[in-house]
Structure formats: structure tokens, C-alpha cells
Amino acid sequence: MTSPDDETADQPTDTAPAEAGGATLEEQLQDAEERVLRVQAELENFRKRSRREYEDAQRYREMDLLRDLLPVLDTVLRAVEAAEKTADVESLKAGFRMTAQQIEKLLDAHGCKTIDTVGHAFDPSVHDAILQQAVPDAAPGTVVGVASRGYRLHDRVVRPAQVIVAKQE
């Protein structure tokens, strides 16, 4: 028969190695938790910074266009000032022609193109028919006049052209 003392003799009495292993695992777990918290904080900071940068980009997206438009406004203001000092209509016309060309050039530089109209077939995706008119030399459905130009930015219509369309006589 074995005595109770014999049973305890088979069991390890030194618990130090088990505790040392447990402390190492506990330290590793704590390190992992700290790393997770740091990564979560970094991710949250990244999200906030990205959101702030996106909002700034949206808020100031017209900055380049405005910088390009300001010289045109200066030209218009100079033309108005000159018109107040002179009665020369021809120089006023030339000034306005030059300003219009400057605006068209600026729009083109920003990817804004004029929609083709007169002589082209009516296209409801880019034209807005405001009137139909019988025109002897034009085929029905052809644009024969323009009330206001239409513009397209890349592949999207900014404003459809308001046009007069030929109809059957």
C-alpha cells in the first residue's frame, strides 16, 4: 500500500518553472494588447486625418478655377472703367470680345468644352429645344439656331445648349 506521502512524491513540488512560463505568456498577452491599442489609435488618427484632408479638398476644390477667373474679372472691371471715360463703342466691343475669348480659353483649360450645335442633329442629351422652326434648306431635326451655348465638362453636360430645331414645312 502506498501512503498519502508517496502520492505527493510523484507530483512536482517546484512550481517556479510553471509560474515563469505563465508570466512570460502574461507579458506576451499584455504586449499584444498594447500593440492592438496602438494600432487602433493609429487607425483612428489616420481616419480623422483622411476625413479632414477630404473635407479640405472639397471645400477648396474651386481654388484653381478661381485663381484663373480673377484676371478675367480684372479685365472686365478695367473695361467698365474705360467705358465710363469714353464714348468709343468699337473699343468697348473689342474689349468685350477679348474678355469672352479669355473666358473661353480658361474654360477650355479646365476641360470645359462648348457643345456642337448649328448644323448638327438634335440630341436631347446635350440640346434643349426651345423652338421648332420651318427652315427651307435644313433637314427636320437639325439644329438651326442657338439661344444659349451648352457646355460639357469631360463627359458630363454642365448645361445643355438651348437650340432652335428645324421642323418639316
Protein backbone atom coordinates (compact mmCIF):
# COMPACT_ATOMS: atom_id res chain seq x y z
CA MET A 1 0.00 0.00 0.00
CA THR A 2 1.06 3.46 -0.67
CA SER A 3 0.87 6.17 1.85
CA PRO A 4 -0.51 9.60 1.10
CA ASP A 5 3.02 10.88 1.33
CA ASP A 6 4.05 8.61 -1.55
CA GLU A 7 1.35 10.05 -3.83
CA THR A 8 2.57 13.57 -3.31
CA ALA A 9 6.11 12.50 -4.01
CA ASP A 10 5.24 11.79 -7.65
CA GLN A 11 3.83 15.28 -8.17
CA PRO A 12 6.19 18.15 -8.84
CA THR A 13 6.65 20.36 -5.82
CA ASP A 14 8.58 23.15 -7.57
CA THR A 15 6.05 25.49 -9.19
CA ALA A 16 8.59 28.14 -10.21
CA PRO A 17 9.07 26.97 -13.84
CA ALA A 18 5.30 26.91 -14.42
CA GLU A 19 4.96 30.42 -12.98
CA ALA A 20 7.84 31.68 -15.06
CA GLY A 21 6.17 30.29 -18.20
CA GLY A 22 2.86 31.81 -17.13
CA ALA A 23 4.45 35.18 -16.50
CA THR A 24 6.02 35.08 -19.97
CA LEU A 25 2.66 34.30 -21.55
CA GLU A 26 1.04 37.00 -19.47
CA GLU A 27 3.67 39.53 -20.57
CA GLN A 28 3.21 38.48 -24.19
CA LEU A 29 -0.53 38.90 -23.86
CA GLN A 30 -0.09 42.35 -22.32
CA ASP A 31 2.34 43.34 -25.11
CA ALA A 32 -0.10 42.12 -27.75
CA GLU A 33 -2.94 44.07 -26.13
CA GLU A 34 -0.78 47.23 -26.08
CA ARG A 35 0.12 46.74 -29.76
CA VAL A 36 -3.55 46.31 -30.65
CA LEU A 37 -4.43 49.51 -28.79
CA ARG A 38 -1.61 51.42 -30.56
CA VAL A 39 -2.72 50.13 -33.97
CA GLN A 40 -6.33 51.06 -33.21
CA ALA A 41 -5.26 54.56 -32.16
CA GLU A 42 -3.12 54.93 -35.30
CA LEU A 43 -6.02 53.77 -37.46
CA GLU A 44 -8.40 56.23 -35.80
CA ASN A 45 -5.88 59.06 -36.28
CA PHE A 46 -5.49 58.05 -39.93
CA ARG A 47 -9.26 58.09 -40.41
CA LYS A 48 -9.56 61.54 -38.81
CA ARG A 49 -6.67 62.93 -40.86
CA SER A 50 -8.09 61.44 -44.08
CA ARG A 51 -11.54 62.84 -43.34
CA ARG A 52 -10.06 66.29 -42.60
CA GLU A 53 -7.97 66.22 -45.81
CA TYR A 54 -11.02 65.14 -47.85
CA GLU A 55 -13.16 67.90 -46.34
CA ASP A 56 -10.44 70.48 -47.07
CA ALA A 57 -10.11 69.22 -50.64
CA GLN A 58 -13.88 69.51 -51.12
CA ARG A 59 -14.01 72.93 -49.50
CA TYR A 60 -11.20 74.38 -51.62
CA ARG A 61 -11.63 72.39 -54.85
CA GLU A 62 -12.51 75.52 -56.84
CA MET A 63 -9.31 77.34 -55.84
CA ASP A 64 -7.51 76.79 -59.18
CA LEU A 65 -10.55 77.85 -61.18
CA LEU A 66 -10.98 80.98 -59.07
CA ARG A 67 -7.31 81.89 -59.48
CA ASP A 68 -7.78 81.62 -63.23
CA LEU A 69 -11.04 83.62 -63.19
CA LEU A 70 -9.72 86.59 -61.24
CA PRO A 71 -7.66 88.02 -64.12
CA VAL A 72 -10.78 87.84 -66.31
CA LEU A 73 -12.72 89.78 -63.69
CA ASP A 74 -9.90 92.35 -63.62
CA THR A 75 -10.22 92.72 -67.40
CA VAL A 76 -13.99 93.21 -67.16
CA LEU A 77 -13.58 95.83 -64.42
CA ARG A 78 -10.99 97.69 -66.50
CA ALA A 79 -13.38 97.60 -69.48
CA VAL A 80 -16.20 99.02 -67.34
CA GLU A 81 -13.90 101.73 -66.05
CA ALA A 82 -12.78 102.59 -69.59
CA ALA A 83 -16.42 102.63 -70.79
CA GLU A 84 -17.25 105.24 -68.18
CA LYS A 85 -14.48 107.50 -69.52
CA THR A 86 -15.04 107.14 -73.26
CA ALA A 87 -17.87 107.04 -75.78
CA ASP A 88 -15.93 104.83 -78.23
CA VAL A 89 -18.24 101.86 -78.82
CA GLU A 90 -15.79 99.98 -81.03
CA SER A 91 -13.12 99.81 -78.33
CA LEU A 92 -15.76 98.54 -75.90
CA LYS A 93 -16.77 95.80 -78.34
CA ALA A 94 -13.13 94.83 -78.80
CA GLY A 95 -12.65 94.73 -75.03
CA PHE A 96 -15.67 92.50 -74.53
CA ARG A 97 -14.59 90.25 -77.42
CA MET A 98 -11.18 89.89 -75.80
CA THR A 99 -12.76 89.12 -72.42
CA ALA A 100 -15.04 86.49 -73.97
CA GLN A 101 -12.02 84.86 -75.65
CA GLN A 102 -10.16 84.90 -72.36
CA ILE A 103 -13.09 83.16 -70.62
CA GLU A 104 -13.40 80.56 -73.40
CA LYS A 105 -9.68 79.83 -73.19
CA LEU A 106 -9.92 79.47 -69.41
CA LEU A 107 -12.91 77.10 -69.66
CA ASP A 108 -11.06 75.03 -72.25
CA ALA A 109 -8.00 74.83 -69.99
CA HIS A 110 -10.23 73.39 -67.25
CA GLY A 111 -11.72 70.75 -69.56
CA CYS A 112 -14.98 72.60 -70.23
CA LYS A 113 -15.88 72.41 -73.92
CA THR A 114 -18.66 74.02 -75.94
CA ILE A 115 -21.31 71.60 -77.20
CA ASP A 116 -21.59 71.50 -81.00
CA THR A 117 -24.91 72.87 -82.18
CA VAL A 118 -25.70 74.55 -85.52
CA GLY A 119 -25.77 72.07 -88.38
CA HIS A 120 -25.76 69.03 -86.10
CA ALA A 121 -28.66 66.67 -85.48
CA PHE A 122 -30.73 67.46 -82.40
CA ASP A 123 -29.54 65.34 -79.45
CA PRO A 124 -31.77 65.57 -76.35
CA SER A 125 -28.88 64.50 -74.12
CA VAL A 126 -26.94 67.71 -74.92
CA HIS A 127 -29.53 70.02 -76.52
CA ASP A 128 -32.63 71.64 -75.07
CA ALA A 129 -35.08 72.52 -77.86
CA ILE A 130 -36.78 75.81 -77.10
CA LEU A 131 -38.37 76.31 -80.52
CA GLN A 132 -39.11 74.44 -83.74
CA GLN A 133 -38.96 76.42 -86.92
CA ALA A 134 -39.57 75.65 -90.58
CA VAL A 135 -36.32 76.29 -92.44
CA PRO A 136 -36.32 75.56 -96.19
CA ASP A 137 -32.66 74.45 -96.51
CA ALA A 138 -32.45 72.37 -93.31
CA ALA A 139 -33.42 68.75 -92.72
CA PRO A 140 -36.03 68.21 -89.99
CA GLY A 141 -34.37 67.55 -86.62
CA THR A 142 -31.31 69.65 -87.43
CA VAL A 143 -30.23 72.44 -85.11
CA VAL A 144 -30.57 75.74 -86.99
CA GLY A 145 -30.02 78.29 -84.21
CA VAL A 146 -28.69 78.72 -80.69
CA ALA A 147 -30.26 80.78 -77.93
CA SER A 148 -27.55 79.91 -75.39
CA ARG A 149 -24.45 77.77 -75.68
CA GLY A 150 -24.18 74.47 -73.92
CA TYR A 151 -21.10 73.23 -72.11
CA ARG A 152 -19.66 69.86 -71.22
CA LEU A 153 -17.05 69.09 -68.56
CA HIS A 154 -15.20 66.00 -69.77
CA ASP A 155 -18.08 63.56 -70.36
CA ARG A 156 -20.81 65.33 -68.35
CA VAL A 157 -23.14 68.06 -69.51
CA VAL A 158 -22.77 71.18 -67.38
CA ARG A 159 -25.55 72.98 -69.21
CA PRO A 160 -27.41 71.80 -72.32
CA ALA A 161 -27.43 74.13 -75.31
CA GLN A 162 -30.76 75.87 -75.83
CA VAL A 163 -31.41 75.45 -79.53
CA ILE A 164 -33.85 76.05 -82.35
CA VAL A 165 -34.61 72.90 -84.32
CA ALA A 166 -35.75 72.66 -87.93
CA LYS A 167 -39.15 71.09 -88.47
CA GLN A 168 -40.96 69.76 -91.52
CA GLU A 169 -42.58 72.51 -93.57
